[in-house]
């Protein structure tokens, strides 16, 4: 029998703020998809590689086909610094792994938020910070989690462009060139542990909006609605 997690924080990293995400999509659909499905926004980094066609498979290089596990950024506790990746699916994998991982033993709630913000786009018109911060437990719950030394590690199993996103771009290939926002669904697991040997695991799925402009690294803009096909 699966053990129950000590607090409601077991949902940290699952599906959050449905109404907020739906509102985000409505705005992005007008720009990117022009049909009633998924999108949200993100921002660029500093690399000189061209963003790929979203209908094409991810390159089979070690830096773009597997989640990156960089070292934590200074002052962000256990939250890793965003990797320098210019391929949308690879960046979405790394971002999902970051979102599903936390360690209250070494990281305060403010550090968690600060570390997550470093992954966000600097293009404020495409960034929806609220959709990301909605994943983080409130201060009281984070404190209770810390009292129990609660921590979690995310593992990515697969990631893909949802069919609706690929279909929309097939219908209007030029739509991507306005914001270079790619929709990626990531599936995986989250291992959670706490003091006195407590442990558990849950499946995770999240759809992210990733911005990968030409000559820039990718960045996270928002958590999009769940689109799993």
C-alpha atoms as a PDB file:
ATOM      1  CA  UNK A   1       0.000   0.000   0.000  1.00  0.00           C
ATOM      2  CA  UNK A   2       1.322   3.423  -0.864  1.00  0.00           C
ATOM      3  CA  UNK A   3       2.103   5.638   2.106  1.00  0.00           C
ATOM      4  CA  UNK A   4       0.261   8.909   2.451  1.00  0.00           C
ATOM      5  CA  UNK A   5       2.322  12.034   2.358  1.00  0.00           C
ATOM      6  CA  UNK A   6       2.507  14.017   5.610  1.00  0.00           C
ATOM      7  CA  UNK A   7       0.882  17.191   4.251  1.00  0.00           C
ATOM      8  CA  UNK A   8      -1.115  18.348   1.278  1.00  0.00           C
ATOM      9  CA  UNK A   9       2.210  19.337  -0.290  1.00  0.00           C
ATOM     10  CA  UNK A  10       2.135  16.010  -2.083  1.00  0.00           C
ATOM     11  CA  UNK A  11       0.281  17.923  -4.796  1.00  0.00           C
ATOM     12  CA  UNK A  12       3.225  20.311  -5.233  1.00  0.00           C
ATOM     13  CA  UNK A  13       4.115  19.941  -8.890  1.00  0.00           C
ATOM     14  CA  UNK A  14       0.800  18.523 -10.063  1.00  0.00           C
ATOM     15  CA  UNK A  15      -2.013  20.458 -11.821  1.00  0.00           C
ATOM     16  CA  UNK A  16      -2.437  23.995 -10.598  1.00  0.00           C
ATOM     17  CA  UNK A  17      -4.758  26.976 -11.025  1.00  0.00           C
ATOM     18  CA  UNK A  18      -6.954  25.758 -13.857  1.00  0.00           C
ATOM     19  CA  UNK A  19      -8.844  29.027 -14.253  1.00  0.00           C
ATOM     20  CA  UNK A  20      -5.610  31.002 -14.424  1.00  0.00           C
ATOM     21  CA  UNK A  21      -4.148  28.697 -17.035  1.00  0.00           C
ATOM     22  CA  UNK A  22      -7.280  28.798 -19.167  1.00  0.00           C
ATOM     23  CA  UNK A  23      -7.124  32.598 -19.182  1.00  0.00           C
ATOM     24  CA  UNK A  24      -3.497  32.472 -20.253  1.00  0.00           C
ATOM     25  CA  UNK A  25      -4.263  30.174 -23.129  1.00  0.00           C
ATOM     26  CA  UNK A  26      -7.063  32.346 -24.412  1.00  0.00           C
ATOM     27  CA  UNK A  27      -4.636  35.240 -24.764  1.00  0.00           C
ATOM     28  CA  UNK A  28      -1.917  33.185 -26.405  1.00  0.00           C
ATOM     29  CA  UNK A  29      -4.234  31.362 -28.748  1.00  0.00           C
ATOM     30  CA  UNK A  30      -5.037  34.678 -30.407  1.00  0.00           C
ATOM     31  CA  UNK A  31      -1.356  35.185 -31.133  1.00  0.00           C
ATOM     32  CA  UNK A  32      -0.084  31.701 -31.773  1.00  0.00           C
ATOM     33  CA  UNK A  33      -2.623  28.995 -32.378  1.00  0.00           C
ATOM     34  CA  UNK A  34      -5.812  30.732 -33.514  1.00  0.00           C
ATOM     35  CA  UNK A  35      -7.741  27.676 -32.359  1.00  0.00           C
ATOM     36  CA  UNK A  36      -9.111  26.698 -28.957  1.00  0.00           C
ATOM     37  CA  UNK A  37      -6.196  24.791 -27.436  1.00  0.00           C
ATOM     38  CA  UNK A  38      -2.934  25.272 -25.583  1.00  0.00           C
ATOM     39  CA  UNK A  39      -0.228  27.892 -25.447  1.00  0.00           C
ATOM     40  CA  UNK A  40       1.576  30.226 -23.049  1.00  0.00           C
ATOM     41  CA  UNK A  41       4.702  32.280 -23.190  1.00  0.00           C
ATOM     42  CA  UNK A  42       8.446  32.303 -22.418  1.00  0.00           C
ATOM     43  CA  UNK A  43      11.782  34.084 -22.931  1.00  0.00           C
ATOM     44  CA  UNK A  44      15.229  33.806 -24.465  1.00  0.00           C
ATOM     45  CA  UNK A  45      18.800  33.367 -23.270  1.00  0.00           C
ATOM     46  CA  UNK A  46      22.161  33.925 -24.952  1.00  0.00           C
ATOM     47  CA  UNK A  47      23.123  31.240 -27.421  1.00  0.00           C
ATOM     48  CA  UNK A  48      23.732  31.451 -31.125  1.00  0.00           C
ATOM     49  CA  UNK A  49      21.747  28.406 -32.223  1.00  0.00           C
ATOM     50  CA  UNK A  50      18.630  28.462 -34.382  1.00  0.00           C
ATOM     51  CA  UNK A  51      15.355  27.330 -32.815  1.00  0.00           C
ATOM     52  CA  UNK A  52      14.092  24.206 -34.606  1.00  0.00           C
ATOM     53  CA  UNK A  53      10.850  23.497 -36.410  1.00  0.00           C
ATOM     54  CA  UNK A  54       8.445  22.225 -33.713  1.00  0.00           C
ATOM     55  CA  UNK A  55       7.215  19.464 -35.994  1.00  0.00           C
ATOM     56  CA  UNK A  56      10.698  17.992 -36.227  1.00  0.00           C
ATOM     57  CA  UNK A  57      12.061  15.507 -33.653  1.00  0.00           C
ATOM     58  CA  UNK A  58      14.496  16.773 -31.053  1.00  0.00           C
ATOM     59  CA  UNK A  59      18.179  16.448 -31.993  1.00  0.00           C
ATOM     60  CA  UNK A  60      19.855  13.362 -30.603  1.00  0.00           C
ATOM     61  CA  UNK A  61      22.689  15.215 -28.893  1.00  0.00           C
ATOM     62  CA  UNK A  62      23.413  14.800 -25.198  1.00  0.00           C
ATOM     63  CA  UNK A  63      22.634  18.448 -24.477  1.00  0.00           C
ATOM     64  CA  UNK A  64      19.241  18.522 -26.169  1.00  0.00           C
ATOM     65  CA  UNK A  65      17.711  15.066 -25.714  1.00  0.00           C
ATOM     66  CA  UNK A  66      18.047  14.655 -21.946  1.00  0.00           C
ATOM     67  CA  UNK A  67      17.129  16.833 -18.992  1.00  0.00           C
ATOM     68  CA  UNK A  68      20.034  18.951 -17.859  1.00  0.00           C
ATOM     69  CA  UNK A  69      21.076  18.768 -14.209  1.00  0.00           C
ATOM     70  CA  UNK A  70      23.140  21.923 -13.664  1.00  0.00           C
ATOM     71  CA  UNK A  71      24.383  23.049 -10.289  1.00  0.00           C
ATOM     72  CA  UNK A  72      22.129  25.253  -8.159  1.00  0.00           C
ATOM     73  CA  UNK A  73      22.475  28.985  -8.670  1.00  0.00           C
ATOM     74  CA  UNK A  74      23.947  31.040  -5.850  1.00  0.00           C
ATOM     75  CA  UNK A  75      21.325  32.023  -3.306  1.00  0.00           C
ATOM     76  CA  UNK A  76      18.683  29.691  -4.737  1.00  0.00           C
ATOM     77  CA  UNK A  77      19.175  26.743  -2.411  1.00  0.00           C
ATOM     78  CA  UNK A  78      18.585  23.471  -4.201  1.00  0.00           C
ATOM     79  CA  UNK A  79      17.015  25.053  -7.294  1.00  0.00           C
ATOM     80  CA  UNK A  80      19.317  24.521 -10.296  1.00  0.00           C
ATOM     81  CA  UNK A  81      20.384  27.350 -12.553  1.00  0.00           C
ATOM     82  CA  UNK A  82      18.631  27.271 -15.953  1.00  0.00           C
ATOM     83  CA  UNK A  83      20.641  25.374 -18.569  1.00  0.00           C
ATOM     84  CA  UNK A  84      21.825  26.900 -21.830  1.00  0.00           C
ATOM     85  CA  UNK A  85      19.652  24.932 -24.237  1.00  0.00           C
ATOM     86  CA  UNK A  86      18.188  26.164 -27.529  1.00  0.00           C
ATOM     87  CA  UNK A  87      15.955  23.145 -28.239  1.00  0.00           C
ATOM     88  CA  UNK A  88      12.366  23.395 -26.888  1.00  0.00           C
ATOM     89  CA  UNK A  89      11.745  19.777 -25.880  1.00  0.00           C
ATOM     90  CA  UNK A  90      15.082  19.473 -24.088  1.00  0.00           C
ATOM     91  CA  UNK A  91      14.504  22.725 -22.214  1.00  0.00           C
ATOM     92  CA  UNK A  92      10.983  21.680 -21.243  1.00  0.00           C
ATOM     93  CA  UNK A  93      12.388  18.439 -19.800  1.00  0.00           C
ATOM     94  CA  UNK A  94      14.884  20.340 -17.691  1.00  0.00           C
ATOM     95  CA  UNK A  95      12.229  22.834 -16.562  1.00  0.00           C
ATOM     96  CA  UNK A  96       9.783  20.103 -15.564  1.00  0.00           C
ATOM     97  CA  UNK A  97      12.474  18.351 -13.567  1.00  0.00           C
ATOM     98  CA  UNK A  98      13.184  21.627 -11.782  1.00  0.00           C
ATOM     99  CA  UNK A  99       9.496  22.239 -11.079  1.00  0.00           C
ATOM    100  CA  UNK A 100       9.011  18.774  -9.613  1.00  0.00           C
ATOM    101  CA  UNK A 101      12.064  18.993  -7.338  1.00  0.00           C
ATOM    102  CA  UNK A 102      12.499  20.833  -4.030  1.00  0.00           C
ATOM    103  CA  UNK A 103      14.304  20.439  -0.714  1.00  0.00           C
ATOM    104  CA  UNK A 104      12.948  22.219   2.350  1.00  0.00           C
ATOM    105  CA  UNK A 105      16.011  21.090   4.327  1.00  0.00           C
ATOM    106  CA  UNK A 106      18.319  23.414   2.397  1.00  0.00           C
ATOM    107  CA  UNK A 107      16.013  25.857   0.617  1.00  0.00           C
ATOM    108  CA  UNK A 108      13.662  28.502   1.953  1.00  0.00           C
ATOM    109  CA  UNK A 109      10.449  29.339   0.134  1.00  0.00           C
ATOM    110  CA  UNK A 110      11.928  32.666  -0.995  1.00  0.00           C
ATOM    111  CA  UNK A 111      14.982  30.855  -2.364  1.00  0.00           C
ATOM    112  CA  UNK A 112      12.727  28.410  -4.188  1.00  0.00           C
ATOM    113  CA  UNK A 113      10.853  31.258  -5.846  1.00  0.00           C
ATOM    114  CA  UNK A 114      14.050  33.121  -6.657  1.00  0.00           C
ATOM    115  CA  UNK A 115      15.580  30.067  -8.261  1.00  0.00           C
ATOM    116  CA  UNK A 116      12.464  29.408 -10.321  1.00  0.00           C
ATOM    117  CA  UNK A 117      12.281  33.001 -11.511  1.00  0.00           C
ATOM    118  CA  UNK A 118      15.722  32.660 -13.087  1.00  0.00           C
ATOM    119  CA  UNK A 119      14.172  30.208 -15.565  1.00  0.00           C
ATOM    120  CA  UNK A 120      11.555  32.730 -16.727  1.00  0.00           C
ATOM    121  CA  UNK A 121      11.562  34.825 -19.860  1.00  0.00           C
ATOM    122  CA  UNK A 122      12.579  38.432 -19.557  1.00  0.00           C
ATOM    123  CA  UNK A 123       9.919  39.360 -22.136  1.00  0.00           C
ATOM    124  CA  UNK A 124       7.218  40.404 -19.707  1.00  0.00           C
ATOM    125  CA  UNK A 125       4.484  40.435 -22.338  1.00  0.00           C
ATOM    126  CA  UNK A 126       4.884  36.653 -22.678  1.00  0.00           C
ATOM    127  CA  UNK A 127       5.763  35.724 -19.093  1.00  0.00           C
ATOM    128  CA  UNK A 128       3.112  34.494 -16.689  1.00  0.00           C
ATOM    129  CA  UNK A 129       4.967  34.260 -13.407  1.00  0.00           C
ATOM    130  CA  UNK A 130       1.734  33.625 -11.481  1.00  0.00           C
ATOM    131  CA  UNK A 131       1.160  30.320 -13.277  1.00  0.00           C
ATOM    132  CA  UNK A 132       4.558  29.134 -12.041  1.00  0.00           C
ATOM    133  CA  UNK A 133       4.446  30.487  -8.490  1.00  0.00           C
ATOM    134  CA  UNK A 134       1.066  28.831  -8.087  1.00  0.00           C
ATOM    135  CA  UNK A 135       2.955  25.558  -7.754  1.00  0.00           C
ATOM    136  CA  UNK A 136       4.795  26.625  -4.614  1.00  0.00           C
ATOM    137  CA  UNK A 137       3.051  25.991  -1.279  1.00  0.00           C
ATOM    138  CA  UNK A 138       2.110  29.012   0.801  1.00  0.00           C
ATOM    139  CA  UNK A 139       4.506  30.084   3.581  1.00  0.00           C
ATOM    140  CA  UNK A 140       2.629  28.228   6.336  1.00  0.00           C
ATOM    141  CA  UNK A 141       2.596  24.953   4.420  1.00  0.00           C
ATOM    142  CA  UNK A 142       6.231  25.339   3.370  1.00  0.00           C
ATOM    143  CA  UNK A 143       7.111  25.795   7.046  1.00  0.00           C
ATOM    144  CA  UNK A 144       5.295  22.582   7.983  1.00  0.00           C
ATOM    145  CA  UNK A 145       7.067  20.767   5.165  1.00  0.00           C
ATOM    146  CA  UNK A 146      10.400  22.076   6.447  1.00  0.00           C
ATOM    147  CA  UNK A 147       9.571  20.836   9.950  1.00  0.00           C
ATOM    148  CA  UNK A 148       9.350  17.358   8.425  1.00  0.00           C
ATOM    149  CA  UNK A 149      12.471  17.734   6.246  1.00  0.00           C
ATOM    150  CA  UNK A 150      10.324  17.138   3.185  1.00  0.00           C
ATOM    151  CA  UNK A 151      12.095  16.978  -0.170  1.00  0.00           C
ATOM    152  CA  UNK A 152      11.340  15.714  -3.657  1.00  0.00           C
ATOM    153  CA  UNK A 153      13.141  14.747  -6.826  1.00  0.00           C
ATOM    154  CA  UNK A 154      11.562  14.868 -10.255  1.00  0.00           C
ATOM    155  CA  UNK A 155      12.333  12.366 -13.004  1.00  0.00           C
ATOM    156  CA  UNK A 156      11.356  12.972 -16.631  1.00  0.00           C
ATOM    157  CA  UNK A 157      10.198   9.972 -18.641  1.00  0.00           C
ATOM    158  CA  UNK A 158       9.260  11.596 -21.947  1.00  0.00           C
ATOM    159  CA  UNK A 159       8.295  14.887 -23.580  1.00  0.00           C
ATOM    160  CA  UNK A 160       6.596  15.787 -26.841  1.00  0.00           C
ATOM    161  CA  UNK A 161       4.816  18.486 -28.822  1.00  0.00           C
ATOM    162  CA  UNK A 162       1.043  18.021 -28.406  1.00  0.00           C
ATOM    163  CA  UNK A 163      -0.802  17.149 -31.584  1.00  0.00           C
ATOM    164  CA  UNK A 164      -2.961  20.282 -31.395  1.00  0.00           C
ATOM    165  CA  UNK A 165       0.137  22.479 -31.342  1.00  0.00           C
ATOM    166  CA  UNK A 166       1.713  20.735 -34.331  1.00  0.00           C
ATOM    167  CA  UNK A 167      -1.552  20.872 -36.240  1.00  0.00           C
ATOM    168  CA  UNK A 168      -1.933  24.591 -35.571  1.00  0.00           C
ATOM    169  CA  UNK A 169       1.551  25.311 -36.862  1.00  0.00           C
ATOM    170  CA  UNK A 170       0.949  23.171 -39.918  1.00  0.00           C
ATOM    171  CA  UNK A 171      -2.063  25.332 -40.681  1.00  0.00           C
ATOM    172  CA  UNK A 172      -0.147  28.574 -40.090  1.00  0.00           C
ATOM    173  CA  UNK A 173       3.651  28.045 -40.003  1.00  0.00           C
ATOM    174  CA  UNK A 174       4.356  31.764 -39.747  1.00  0.00           C
ATOM    175  CA  UNK A 175       2.515  32.035 -36.410  1.00  0.00           C
ATOM    176  CA  UNK A 176       5.564  30.825 -34.504  1.00  0.00           C
ATOM    177  CA  UNK A 177       7.712  33.728 -35.707  1.00  0.00           C
ATOM    178  CA  UNK A 178       5.957  36.333 -33.568  1.00  0.00           C
ATOM    179  CA  UNK A 179       7.000  35.018 -30.162  1.00  0.00           C
ATOM    180  CA  UNK A 180       8.761  31.701 -30.943  1.00  0.00           C
ATOM    181  CA  UNK A 181       6.709  29.950 -28.286  1.00  0.00           C
ATOM    182  CA  UNK A 182       6.597  26.164 -28.286  1.00  0.00           C
ATOM    183  CA  UNK A 183       4.158  24.009 -26.344  1.00  0.00           C
ATOM    184  CA  UNK A 184       5.649  20.864 -24.813  1.00  0.00           C
ATOM    185  CA  UNK A 185       3.962  18.224 -22.653  1.00  0.00           C
ATOM    186  CA  UNK A 186       6.282  16.449 -20.198  1.00  0.00           C
ATOM    187  CA  UNK A 187       5.504  13.234 -18.320  1.00  0.00           C
ATOM    188  CA  UNK A 188       7.459  11.844 -15.400  1.00  0.00           C
ATOM    189  CA  UNK A 189       7.507  10.953 -11.716  1.00  0.00           C
ATOM    190  CA  UNK A 190       8.105  12.713  -8.427  1.00  0.00           C
ATOM    191  CA  UNK A 191       9.775  10.922  -5.507  1.00  0.00           C
ATOM    192  CA  UNK A 192       8.941  12.539  -2.157  1.00  0.00           C
ATOM    193  CA  UNK A 193      10.592  11.809   1.192  1.00  0.00           C
ATOM    194  CA  UNK A 194      10.411  13.179   4.737  1.00  0.00           C
ATOM    195  CA  UNK A 195      11.822  12.478   8.153  1.00  0.00           C
ATOM    196  CA  UNK A 196      11.645   9.129   9.928  1.00  0.00           C
ATOM    197  CA  UNK A 197      11.912   7.278   6.640  1.00  0.00           C
ATOM    198  CA  UNK A 198       8.685   8.507   5.088  1.00  0.00           C
ATOM    199  CA  UNK A 199       8.547   8.249   1.301  1.00  0.00           C
ATOM    200  CA  UNK A 200       6.172   8.130  -1.624  1.00  0.00           C
ATOM    201  CA  UNK A 201       5.971   8.581  -5.369  1.00  0.00           C
ATOM    202  CA  UNK A 202       3.482  10.096  -7.796  1.00  0.00           C
ATOM    203  CA  UNK A 203       3.197  10.360 -11.550  1.00  0.00           C
ATOM    204  CA  UNK A 204       3.486  13.870 -12.941  1.00  0.00           C
ATOM    205  CA  UNK A 205       2.450  15.545 -16.197  1.00  0.00           C
ATOM    206  CA  UNK A 206       2.756  19.198 -17.124  1.00  0.00           C
ATOM    207  CA  UNK A 207       2.423  21.211 -20.314  1.00  0.00           C
ATOM    208  CA  UNK A 208       4.874  24.078 -20.574  1.00  0.00           C
ATOM    209  CA  UNK A 209       5.197  27.030 -22.897  1.00  0.00           C
ATOM    210  CA  UNK A 210       8.832  27.455 -23.891  1.00  0.00           C
ATOM    211  CA  UNK A 211      10.239  30.383 -25.832  1.00  0.00           C
ATOM    212  CA  UNK A 212      13.217  29.616 -28.047  1.00  0.00           C
ATOM    213  CA  UNK A 213      14.047  32.601 -30.226  1.00  0.00           C
ATOM    214  CA  UNK A 214      16.720  32.255 -32.921  1.00  0.00           C
ATOM    215  CA  UNK A 215      20.187  33.109 -31.577  1.00  0.00           C
ATOM    216  CA  UNK A 216      18.955  32.707 -27.988  1.00  0.00           C
ATOM    217  CA  UNK A 217      18.642  29.955 -25.439  1.00  0.00           C
ATOM    218  CA  UNK A 218      15.188  28.821 -24.414  1.00  0.00           C
ATOM    219  CA  UNK A 219      13.346  30.073 -21.348  1.00  0.00           C
ATOM    220  CA  UNK A 220      10.134  29.337 -19.488  1.00  0.00           C
ATOM    221  CA  UNK A 221       7.121  31.609 -19.765  1.00  0.00           C
ATOM    222  CA  UNK A 222       4.196  29.748 -18.250  1.00  0.00           C
ATOM    223  CA  UNK A 223       2.505  26.541 -17.348  1.00  0.00           C
ATOM    224  CA  UNK A 224      -0.018  25.879 -20.077  1.00  0.00           C
ATOM    225  CA  UNK A 225      -3.203  23.826 -19.849  1.00  0.00           C
ATOM    226  CA  UNK A 226      -2.798  20.074 -19.932  1.00  0.00           C
ATOM    227  CA  UNK A 227      -2.569  18.881 -23.531  1.00  0.00           C
ATOM    228  CA  UNK A 228      -1.393  15.303 -23.530  1.00  0.00           C
ATOM    229  CA  UNK A 229      -1.874  14.118 -27.087  1.00  0.00           C
END
